[in-house]
Amino acid sequence: MPKLDAAQTLAILGTPLRWQLMQMIAASGPQSANELATALKLNFNNVSKHLRILRDAGLLEIAPGEDRRFVLYSVPEVFKRAAGELDFGFCVFRLAGAK
């Protein structure tokens, strides 16, 4: 498991939009910035900026999408503990709506 800085991770996830993006990606699997922006009815550039912050912190990973112009964001498998839970090593998060 990658070593995450607890204070930095909590500060990053403390932003409501970033937490919402993490929950959406964890629940629905890999998604593009455009798909997420459309679902949230937000500006693409704003969503993309927050996804980049999550990726740079090591909380998300990217993979090429079908169309080379787009990348898909996903939660690394190493953080998936059980259905509806993300384990970052220093704490476990239960996602909204998870049973």
Protein backbone atom coordinates (compact mmCIF):
# COMPACT_ATOMS: atom_id res chain seq x y z
CA MET A 1 0.00 0.00 0.00
CA PRO A 2 1.40 3.42 -0.90
CA LYS A 3 2.28 5.56 2.12
CA LEU A 4 -0.02 8.57 2.26
CA ASP A 5 0.45 11.62 4.43
CA ALA A 6 -2.54 11.55 6.79
CA ALA A 7 -2.84 15.32 7.26
CA GLN A 8 -2.52 16.04 3.54
CA THR A 9 -5.01 13.30 2.61
CA LEU A 10 -7.59 14.50 5.11
CA ALA A 11 -7.15 18.12 3.97
CA ILE A 12 -7.61 17.09 0.34
CA LEU A 13 -10.69 14.98 1.09
CA GLY A 14 -12.08 17.75 3.29
CA THR A 15 -13.17 19.65 0.20
CA PRO A 16 -16.80 18.65 -0.46
CA LEU A 17 -16.35 18.38 -4.24
CA ARG A 18 -13.26 16.17 -3.93
CA TRP A 19 -15.02 13.88 -1.45
CA GLN A 20 -18.03 13.69 -3.79
CA LEU A 21 -15.76 12.82 -6.73
CA MET A 22 -14.05 10.06 -4.70
CA GLN A 23 -17.43 8.59 -3.73
CA MET A 24 -18.71 8.68 -7.32
CA ILE A 25 -15.60 7.03 -8.74
CA ALA A 26 -15.42 4.41 -5.97
CA ALA A 27 -19.11 3.53 -6.45
CA SER A 28 -19.27 3.55 -10.24
CA GLY A 29 -15.77 2.64 -11.36
CA PRO A 30 -13.50 4.48 -13.80
CA GLN A 31 -14.92 7.72 -15.21
CA SER A 32 -13.64 10.61 -17.26
CA ALA A 33 -13.58 14.22 -16.08
CA ASN A 34 -16.23 15.01 -18.68
CA GLU A 35 -18.59 12.29 -17.38
CA LEU A 36 -18.15 13.50 -13.82
CA ALA A 37 -18.63 17.18 -14.74
CA THR A 38 -21.78 16.32 -16.68
CA ALA A 39 -23.21 14.22 -13.83
CA LEU A 40 -22.53 17.00 -11.31
CA LYS A 41 -23.62 19.78 -13.69
CA LEU A 42 -20.32 21.58 -13.05
CA ASN A 43 -17.69 23.23 -15.21
CA PHE A 44 -15.27 20.72 -16.77
CA ASN A 45 -12.19 22.77 -15.85
CA ASN A 46 -13.19 22.93 -12.18
CA VAL A 47 -13.80 19.18 -11.98
CA SER A 48 -10.59 18.44 -13.86
CA LYS A 49 -8.58 20.61 -11.43
CA HIS A 50 -9.92 18.71 -8.42
CA LEU A 51 -9.32 15.34 -10.09
CA ARG A 52 -5.71 16.37 -10.76
CA ILE A 53 -5.26 17.24 -7.06
CA LEU A 54 -6.64 13.82 -6.05
CA ARG A 55 -4.39 12.08 -8.58
CA ASP A 56 -1.28 14.03 -7.55
CA ALA A 57 -1.93 13.04 -3.91
CA GLY A 58 -2.05 9.36 -4.93
CA LEU A 59 -5.75 8.94 -4.16
CA LEU A 60 -6.73 8.32 -7.79
CA GLU A 61 -5.00 6.74 -10.74
CA ILE A 62 -5.53 7.28 -14.44
CA ALA A 63 -5.75 5.00 -17.45
CA PRO A 64 -6.29 5.81 -21.11
CA GLY A 65 -9.91 5.78 -22.20
CA GLU A 66 -11.32 4.51 -25.49
CA ASP A 67 -10.68 7.89 -27.03
CA ARG A 68 -7.04 8.88 -26.54
CA ARG A 69 -8.07 12.44 -25.72
CA PHE A 70 -9.66 11.30 -22.48
CA VAL A 71 -8.33 9.54 -19.41
CA LEU A 72 -10.34 7.54 -16.93
CA TYR A 73 -9.93 8.18 -13.21
CA SER A 74 -10.24 5.29 -10.77
CA VAL A 75 -9.52 4.45 -7.16
CA PRO A 76 -6.43 2.22 -6.91
CA GLU A 77 -7.37 -1.36 -6.02
CA VAL A 78 -5.01 -1.29 -3.04
CA PHE A 79 -7.34 1.20 -1.30
CA LYS A 80 -10.51 -0.87 -1.80
CA ARG A 81 -11.03 -2.78 1.42
CA ALA A 82 -14.59 -4.03 1.11
CA ALA A 83 -17.77 -2.95 -0.64
CA GLY A 84 -18.27 0.70 0.21
CA GLU A 85 -15.00 1.13 2.11
CA LEU A 86 -11.70 2.80 1.27
CA ASP A 87 -8.67 1.99 3.42
CA PHE A 88 -5.89 4.57 3.22
CA GLY A 89 -3.73 2.87 5.84
CA PHE A 90 -4.27 5.42 8.59
CA CYS A 91 -8.09 5.29 8.48
CA VAL A 92 -10.99 3.60 6.74
CA PHE A 93 -13.70 5.65 5.03
CA ARG A 94 -17.23 4.33 4.61
CA LEU A 95 -18.85 5.72 1.51
CA ALA A 96 -22.32 7.25 1.51
CA GLY A 97 -25.03 4.83 0.51
CA ALA A 98 -22.81 1.78 1.07
CA LYS A 99 -24.34 -1.14 2.92
